[in-house]
Each structure stands twice: as C-alpha cells, then as structure tokens.
Amino acid sequence: MENCNHEVLTVAEVMELLRLSRPTVIRMVAWGDLRGFRAGKQWRVYRDSVEQMRASHAVPEDLPFSVPCEETA
C-alpha cells in the first residue's frame, strides 16, 4: 500500500513552497493540478501533492528570484 500523507497546508504555505501567487495556487487546486479542497471560505492543499509538484518541477533552492541581466557592449 502506498504511504499517503494527509497533512494539509494553507494557500499561504503553498505559495511560499512553490513560489507562486495566491490566484495561481487556487487555480491549480480548482483545475486539479494540486490535490486539495475548500473548507468554508478557505482552501487547503495536501502536502504530498505539493511535494510531488516540487519534485517534478525541481528548481534549485539557492536560485534567486530574479537574475540580473548582463549588459552587452
């Protein structure tokens, strides 16, 4: 049997882990790209779904958010 982690994260936690905006995270859950659910007015996302997304779209942790452009002569 597969080891399932049913721990849930808030949208804010997912935003930080995946470096995405709030609307993008909510859209990904609504479209089924991330497994999650709505609890009242709040969204929750399964941690295993987020970890799977991070693994499939691996980005080095030390990569800066913006890379300065080098000027060419």
PDB file of N, CA and C in Angstrom:
ATOM      1  N   MET A   1       0.833  -1.189   0.000  1.00  0.00           N
ATOM      2  CA  MET A   1       0.000   0.000   0.000  1.00  0.00           C
ATOM      3  C   MET A   1       0.877   1.250   0.000  1.00  0.00           C
ATOM      4  N   GLU A   2       0.474   2.240  -0.747  1.00  0.00           N
ATOM      5  CA  GLU A   2       1.222   3.471  -0.869  1.00  0.00           C
ATOM      6  C   GLU A   2       1.137   4.277   0.418  1.00  0.00           C
ATOM      7  N   ASN A   3       2.250   4.892   0.808  1.00  0.00           N
ATOM      8  CA  ASN A   3       2.290   5.721   2.008  1.00  0.00           C
ATOM      9  C   ASN A   3       1.686   7.081   1.675  1.00  0.00           C
ATOM     10  N   CYS A   4       0.516   7.388   2.217  1.00  0.00           N
ATOM     11  CA  CYS A   4      -0.172   8.639   1.928  1.00  0.00           C
ATOM     12  C   CYS A   4      -0.001   9.603   3.094  1.00  0.00           C
ATOM     13  N   ASN A   5       0.347  10.826   2.780  1.00  0.00           N
ATOM     14  CA  ASN A   5       0.481  11.864   3.782  1.00  0.00           C
ATOM     15  C   ASN A   5      -0.726  12.780   3.631  1.00  0.00           C
ATOM     16  N   HIS A   6      -1.611  12.746   4.607  1.00  0.00           N
ATOM     17  CA  HIS A   6      -2.829  13.545   4.518  1.00  0.00           C
ATOM     18  C   HIS A   6      -2.703  14.883   5.239  1.00  0.00           C
ATOM     19  N   GLU A   7      -1.451  15.294   5.523  1.00  0.00           N
ATOM     20  CA  GLU A   7      -1.243  16.597   6.122  1.00  0.00           C
ATOM     21  C   GLU A   7      -1.656  17.658   5.109  1.00  0.00           C
ATOM     22  N   VAL A   8      -2.324  18.694   5.578  1.00  0.00           N
ATOM     23  CA  VAL A   8      -2.782  19.749   4.672  1.00  0.00           C
ATOM     24  C   VAL A   8      -2.050  21.053   4.969  1.00  0.00           C
ATOM     25  N   LEU A   9      -1.921  21.851   3.929  1.00  0.00           N
ATOM     26  CA  LEU A   9      -1.259  23.145   4.010  1.00  0.00           C
ATOM     27  C   LEU A   9      -2.240  24.247   3.641  1.00  0.00           C
ATOM     28  N   THR A  10      -1.983  25.437   4.127  1.00  0.00           N
ATOM     29  CA  THR A  10      -2.775  26.592   3.724  1.00  0.00           C
ATOM     30  C   THR A  10      -2.269  27.090   2.373  1.00  0.00           C
ATOM     31  N   VAL A  11      -3.046  27.940   1.743  1.00  0.00           N
ATOM     32  CA  VAL A  11      -2.626  28.522   0.471  1.00  0.00           C
ATOM     33  C   VAL A  11      -1.342  29.331   0.673  1.00  0.00           C
ATOM     34  N   ALA A  12      -1.226  30.042   1.782  1.00  0.00           N
ATOM     35  CA  ALA A  12      -0.023  30.840   2.053  1.00  0.00           C
ATOM     36  C   ALA A  12       1.213  29.946   2.144  1.00  0.00           C
ATOM     37  N   GLU A  13       1.093  28.796   2.769  1.00  0.00           N
ATOM     38  CA  GLU A  13       2.219  27.869   2.875  1.00  0.00           C
ATOM     39  C   GLU A  13       2.611  27.329   1.503  1.00  0.00           C
ATOM     40  N   VAL A  14       1.623  27.009   0.681  1.00  0.00           N
ATOM     41  CA  VAL A  14       1.891  26.510  -0.666  1.00  0.00           C
ATOM     42  C   VAL A  14       2.540  27.609  -1.510  1.00  0.00           C
ATOM     43  N   MET A  15       2.072  28.845  -1.351  1.00  0.00           N
ATOM     44  CA  MET A  15       2.658  29.971  -2.080  1.00  0.00           C
ATOM     45  C   MET A  15       4.147  30.076  -1.791  1.00  0.00           C
ATOM     46  N   GLU A  16       4.523  29.919  -0.531  1.00  0.00           N
ATOM     47  CA  GLU A  16       5.932  30.025  -0.148  1.00  0.00           C
ATOM     48  C   GLU A  16       6.745  28.850  -0.679  1.00  0.00           C
ATOM     49  N   LEU A  17       6.204  27.642  -0.577  1.00  0.00           N
ATOM     50  CA  LEU A  17       6.929  26.455  -1.020  1.00  0.00           C
ATOM     51  C   LEU A  17       7.138  26.421  -2.530  1.00  0.00           C
ATOM     52  N   LEU A  18       6.105  26.802  -3.278  1.00  0.00           N
ATOM     53  CA  LEU A  18       6.174  26.724  -4.740  1.00  0.00           C
ATOM     54  C   LEU A  18       6.530  28.053  -5.397  1.00  0.00           C
ATOM     55  N   ARG A  19       6.616  29.114  -4.596  1.00  0.00           N
ATOM     56  CA  ARG A  19       6.928  30.447  -5.113  1.00  0.00           C
ATOM     57  C   ARG A  19       5.920  30.879  -6.181  1.00  0.00           C
ATOM     58  N   LEU A  20       4.631  30.740  -5.820  1.00  0.00           N
ATOM     59  CA  LEU A  20       3.549  31.102  -6.725  1.00  0.00           C
ATOM     60  C   LEU A  20       2.647  32.124  -6.060  1.00  0.00           C
ATOM     61  N   SER A  21       1.841  32.803  -6.854  1.00  0.00           N
ATOM     62  CA  SER A  21       0.882  33.764  -6.318  1.00  0.00           C
ATOM     63  C   SER A  21      -0.353  33.037  -5.792  1.00  0.00           C
ATOM     64  N   ARG A  22      -1.115  33.731  -4.966  1.00  0.00           N
ATOM     65  CA  ARG A  22      -2.338  33.160  -4.391  1.00  0.00           C
ATOM     66  C   ARG A  22      -3.326  32.716  -5.481  1.00  0.00           C
ATOM     67  N   PRO A  23      -3.632  33.575  -6.471  1.00  0.00           N
ATOM     68  CA  PRO A  23      -4.563  33.143  -7.517  1.00  0.00           C
ATOM     69  C   PRO A  23      -4.080  31.900  -8.268  1.00  0.00           C
ATOM     70  N   THR A  24      -2.773  31.800  -8.490  1.00  0.00           N
ATOM     71  CA  THR A  24      -2.238  30.641  -9.201  1.00  0.00           C
ATOM     72  C   THR A  24      -2.431  29.366  -8.401  1.00  0.00           C
ATOM     73  N   VAL A  25      -2.151  29.420  -7.091  1.00  0.00           N
ATOM     74  CA  VAL A  25      -2.333  28.241  -6.235  1.00  0.00           C
ATOM     75  C   VAL A  25      -3.799  27.815  -6.233  1.00  0.00           C
ATOM     76  N   ILE A  26      -4.703  28.752  -6.055  1.00  0.00           N
ATOM     77  CA  ILE A  26      -6.136  28.430  -6.024  1.00  0.00           C
ATOM     78  C   ILE A  26      -6.583  27.858  -7.360  1.00  0.00           C
ATOM     79  N   ARG A  27      -6.097  28.431  -8.452  1.00  0.00           N
ATOM     80  CA  ARG A  27      -6.450  27.932  -9.782  1.00  0.00           C
ATOM     81  C   ARG A  27      -5.934  26.498  -9.967  1.00  0.00           C
ATOM     82  N   MET A  28      -4.721  26.224  -9.493  1.00  0.00           N
ATOM     83  CA  MET A  28      -4.155  24.881  -9.632  1.00  0.00           C
ATOM     84  C   MET A  28      -4.968  23.846  -8.860  1.00  0.00           C
ATOM     85  N   VAL A  29      -5.486  24.224  -7.703  1.00  0.00           N
ATOM     86  CA  VAL A  29      -6.338  23.306  -6.938  1.00  0.00           C
ATOM     87  C   VAL A  29      -7.680  23.131  -7.652  1.00  0.00           C
ATOM     88  N   ALA A  30      -8.255  24.226  -8.102  1.00  0.00           N
ATOM     89  CA  ALA A  30      -9.556  24.165  -8.782  1.00  0.00           C
ATOM     90  C   ALA A  30      -9.488  23.338 -10.062  1.00  0.00           C
ATOM     91  N   TRP A  31      -8.375  23.403 -10.774  1.00  0.00           N
ATOM     92  CA  TRP A  31      -8.209  22.662 -12.031  1.00  0.00           C
ATOM     93  C   TRP A  31      -7.683  21.251 -11.831  1.00  0.00           C
ATOM     94  N   GLY A  32      -7.319  20.916 -10.583  1.00  0.00           N
ATOM     95  CA  GLY A  32      -6.857  19.564 -10.298  1.00  0.00           C
ATOM     96  C   GLY A  32      -5.360  19.345 -10.452  1.00  0.00           C
ATOM     97  N   ASP A  33      -4.603  20.406 -10.686  1.00  0.00           N
ATOM     98  CA  ASP A  33      -3.149  20.267 -10.783  1.00  0.00           C
ATOM     99  C   ASP A  33      -2.527  19.988  -9.419  1.00  0.00           C
ATOM    100  N   LEU A  34      -3.161  20.478  -8.369  1.00  0.00           N
ATOM    101  CA  LEU A  34      -2.789  20.171  -6.992  1.00  0.00           C
ATOM    102  C   LEU A  34      -4.016  19.588  -6.305  1.00  0.00           C
ATOM    103  N   ARG A  35      -3.798  18.549  -5.482  1.00  0.00           N
ATOM    104  CA  ARG A  35      -4.925  17.955  -4.760  1.00  0.00           C
ATOM    105  C   ARG A  35      -5.219  18.780  -3.517  1.00  0.00           C
ATOM    106  N   GLY A  36      -6.452  19.193  -3.382  1.00  0.00           N
ATOM    107  CA  GLY A  36      -6.851  19.981  -2.227  1.00  0.00           C
ATOM    108  C   GLY A  36      -8.362  20.076  -2.157  1.00  0.00           C
ATOM    109  N   PHE A  37      -8.824  20.918  -1.255  1.00  0.00           N
ATOM    110  CA  PHE A  37     -10.267  21.058  -1.056  1.00  0.00           C
ATOM    111  C   PHE A  37     -10.560  22.415  -0.433  1.00  0.00           C
ATOM    112  N   ARG A  38     -11.806  22.781  -0.499  1.00  0.00           N
ATOM    113  CA  ARG A  38     -12.264  24.026   0.103  1.00  0.00           C
ATOM    114  C   ARG A  38     -12.953  23.695   1.414  1.00  0.00           C
ATOM    115  N   ALA A  39     -12.550  24.397   2.469  1.00  0.00           N
ATOM    116  CA  ALA A  39     -13.164  24.237   3.784  1.00  0.00           C
ATOM    117  C   ALA A  39     -13.780  25.584   4.152  1.00  0.00           C
ATOM    118  N   GLY A  40     -15.079  25.722   3.889  1.00  0.00           N
ATOM    119  CA  GLY A  40     -15.723  27.015   4.082  1.00  0.00           C
ATOM    120  C   GLY A  40     -15.215  27.991   3.035  1.00  0.00           C
ATOM    121  N   LYS A  41     -14.623  29.091   3.489  1.00  0.00           N
ATOM    122  CA  LYS A  41     -14.079  30.085   2.563  1.00  0.00           C
ATOM    123  C   LYS A  41     -12.588  29.905   2.326  1.00  0.00           C
ATOM    124  N   GLN A  42     -11.984  28.902   2.957  1.00  0.00           N
ATOM    125  CA  GLN A  42     -10.547  28.701   2.847  1.00  0.00           C
ATOM    126  C   GLN A  42     -10.222  27.457   2.036  1.00  0.00           C
ATOM    127  N   TRP A  43      -9.068  27.482   1.388  1.00  0.00           N
ATOM    128  CA  TRP A  43      -8.578  26.350   0.628  1.00  0.00           C
ATOM    129  C   TRP A  43      -7.503  25.641   1.426  1.00  0.00           C
ATOM    130  N   ARG A  44      -7.452  24.326   1.294  1.00  0.00           N
ATOM    131  CA  ARG A  44      -6.395  23.512   1.892  1.00  0.00           C
ATOM    132  C   ARG A  44      -5.832  22.621   0.797  1.00  0.00           C
ATOM    133  N   VAL A  45      -4.527  22.385   0.846  1.00  0.00           N
ATOM    134  CA  VAL A  45      -3.843  21.599  -0.177  1.00  0.00           C
ATOM    135  C   VAL A  45      -3.072  20.493   0.520  1.00  0.00           C
ATOM    136  N   TYR A  46      -3.147  19.282  -0.042  1.00  0.00           N
ATOM    137  CA  TYR A  46      -2.420  18.152   0.545  1.00  0.00           C
ATOM    138  C   TYR A  46      -0.930  18.317   0.321  1.00  0.00           C
ATOM    139  N   ARG A  47      -0.167  18.139   1.406  1.00  0.00           N
ATOM    140  CA  ARG A  47       1.283  18.297   1.347  1.00  0.00           C
ATOM    141  C   ARG A  47       1.919  17.365   0.320  1.00  0.00           C
ATOM    142  N   ASP A  48       1.448  16.117   0.232  1.00  0.00           N
ATOM    143  CA  ASP A  48       2.061  15.181  -0.718  1.00  0.00           C
ATOM    144  C   ASP A  48       1.904  15.660  -2.155  1.00  0.00           C
ATOM    145  N   SER A  49       0.811  16.345  -2.453  1.00  0.00           N
ATOM    146  CA  SER A  49       0.591  16.896  -3.787  1.00  0.00           C
ATOM    147  C   SER A  49       1.591  18.015  -4.076  1.00  0.00           C
ATOM    148  N   VAL A  50       1.849  18.844  -3.063  1.00  0.00           N
ATOM    149  CA  VAL A  50       2.811  19.933  -3.210  1.00  0.00           C
ATOM    150  C   VAL A  50       4.219  19.373  -3.390  1.00  0.00           C
ATOM    151  N   GLU A  51       4.579  18.369  -2.588  1.00  0.00           N
ATOM    152  CA  GLU A  51       5.905  17.763  -2.694  1.00  0.00           C
ATOM    153  C   GLU A  51       6.102  17.105  -4.061  1.00  0.00           C
ATOM    154  N   GLN A  52       5.057  16.481  -4.567  1.00  0.00           N
ATOM    155  CA  GLN A  52       5.131  15.871  -5.896  1.00  0.00           C
ATOM    156  C   GLN A  52       5.341  16.949  -6.965  1.00  0.00           C
ATOM    157  N   MET A  53       4.646  18.070  -6.834  1.00  0.00           N
ATOM    158  CA  MET A  53       4.793  19.174  -7.779  1.00  0.00           C
ATOM    159  C   MET A  53       6.212  19.736  -7.714  1.00  0.00           C
ATOM    160  N   ARG A  54       6.745  19.889  -6.521  1.00  0.00           N
ATOM    161  CA  ARG A  54       8.111  20.409  -6.365  1.00  0.00           C
ATOM    162  C   ARG A  54       9.126  19.461  -6.999  1.00  0.00           C
ATOM    163  N   ALA A  55       8.924  18.172  -6.821  1.00  0.00           N
ATOM    164  CA  ALA A  55       9.866  17.190  -7.370  1.00  0.00           C
ATOM    165  C   ALA A  55       9.820  17.166  -8.896  1.00  0.00           C
ATOM    166  N   SER A  56       8.637  17.314  -9.458  1.00  0.00           N
ATOM    167  CA  SER A  56       8.511  17.239 -10.913  1.00  0.00           C
ATOM    168  C   SER A  56       8.933  18.533 -11.610  1.00  0.00           C
ATOM    169  N   HIS A  57       8.975  19.621 -10.870  1.00  0.00           N
ATOM    170  CA  HIS A  57       9.392  20.911 -11.413  1.00  0.00           C
ATOM    171  C   HIS A  57      10.549  21.438 -10.574  1.00  0.00           C
ATOM    172  N   ALA A  58      11.548  20.610 -10.399  1.00  0.00           N
ATOM    173  CA  ALA A  58      12.647  20.921  -9.485  1.00  0.00           C
ATOM    174  C   ALA A  58      13.368  22.210  -9.871  1.00  0.00           C
ATOM    175  N   VAL A  59      13.507  23.063  -8.875  1.00  0.00           N
ATOM    176  CA  VAL A  59      14.250  24.310  -9.005  1.00  0.00           C
ATOM    177  C   VAL A  59      15.238  24.337  -7.848  1.00  0.00           C
ATOM    178  N   PRO A  60      16.514  24.588  -8.111  1.00  0.00           N
ATOM    179  CA  PRO A  60      17.489  24.636  -7.024  1.00  0.00           C
ATOM    180  C   PRO A  60      17.068  25.643  -5.961  1.00  0.00           C
ATOM    181  N   GLU A  61      17.204  25.261  -4.687  1.00  0.00           N
ATOM    182  CA  GLU A  61      16.801  26.121  -3.581  1.00  0.00           C
ATOM    183  C   GLU A  61      17.578  27.433  -3.547  1.00  0.00           C
ATOM    184  N   ASP A  62      18.825  27.426  -4.018  1.00  0.00           N
ATOM    185  CA  ASP A  62      19.638  28.631  -3.939  1.00  0.00           C
ATOM    186  C   ASP A  62      19.460  29.552  -5.150  1.00  0.00           C
ATOM    187  N   LEU A  63      18.555  29.200  -6.056  1.00  0.00           N
ATOM    188  CA  LEU A  63      18.307  30.036  -7.229  1.00  0.00           C
ATOM    189  C   LEU A  63      17.584  31.310  -6.795  1.00  0.00           C
ATOM    190  N   PRO A  64      18.128  32.487  -7.129  1.00  0.00           N
ATOM    191  CA  PRO A  64      17.464  33.730  -6.728  1.00  0.00           C
ATOM    192  C   PRO A  64      16.177  33.932  -7.525  1.00  0.00           C
ATOM    193  N   PHE A  65      15.290  34.757  -6.980  1.00  0.00           N
ATOM    194  CA  PHE A  65      14.031  35.018  -7.654  1.00  0.00           C
ATOM    195  C   PHE A  65      14.248  35.746  -8.973  1.00  0.00           C
ATOM    196  N   SER A  66      15.199  36.648  -9.006  1.00  0.00           N
ATOM    197  CA  SER A  66      15.490  37.361 -10.249  1.00  0.00           C
ATOM    198  C   SER A  66      16.979  37.306 -10.514  1.00  0.00           C
ATOM    199  N   VAL A  67      17.310  37.098 -11.736  1.00  0.00           N
ATOM    200  CA  VAL A  67      18.702  37.030 -12.134  1.00  0.00           C
ATOM    201  C   VAL A  67      19.010  38.299 -12.913  1.00  0.00           C
ATOM    202  N   PRO A  68      19.991  39.076 -12.448  1.00  0.00           N
ATOM    203  CA  PRO A  68      20.292  40.324 -13.160  1.00  0.00           C
ATOM    204  C   PRO A  68      20.792  40.052 -14.571  1.00  0.00           C
ATOM    205  N   CYS A  69      20.380  40.888 -15.483  1.00  0.00           N
ATOM    206  CA  CYS A  69      20.802  40.777 -16.875  1.00  0.00           C
ATOM    207  C   CYS A  69      22.186  41.407 -17.035  1.00  0.00           C
ATOM    208  N   GLU A  70      23.018  40.744 -17.803  1.00  0.00           N
ATOM    209  CA  GLU A  70      24.326  41.302 -18.093  1.00  0.00           C
ATOM    210  C   GLU A  70      24.207  42.216 -19.294  1.00  0.00           C
ATOM    211  N   GLU A  71      24.818  43.350 -19.174  1.00  0.00           N
ATOM    212  CA  GLU A  71      24.787  44.298 -20.289  1.00  0.00           C
ATOM    213  C   GLU A  71      25.805  43.870 -21.335  1.00  0.00           C
ATOM    214  N   THR A  72      25.415  43.959 -22.596  1.00  0.00           N
ATOM    215  CA  THR A  72      26.334  43.634 -23.679  1.00  0.00           C
ATOM    216  C   THR A  72      26.803  44.925 -24.336  1.00  0.00           C
ATOM    217  N   ALA A  73      28.022  44.914 -24.793  1.00  0.00           N
ATOM    218  CA  ALA A  73      28.588  46.123 -25.406  1.00  0.00           C
ATOM    219  C   ALA A  73      28.156  46.271 -26.832  1.00  0.00           C
TER     220      ALA A  73
END
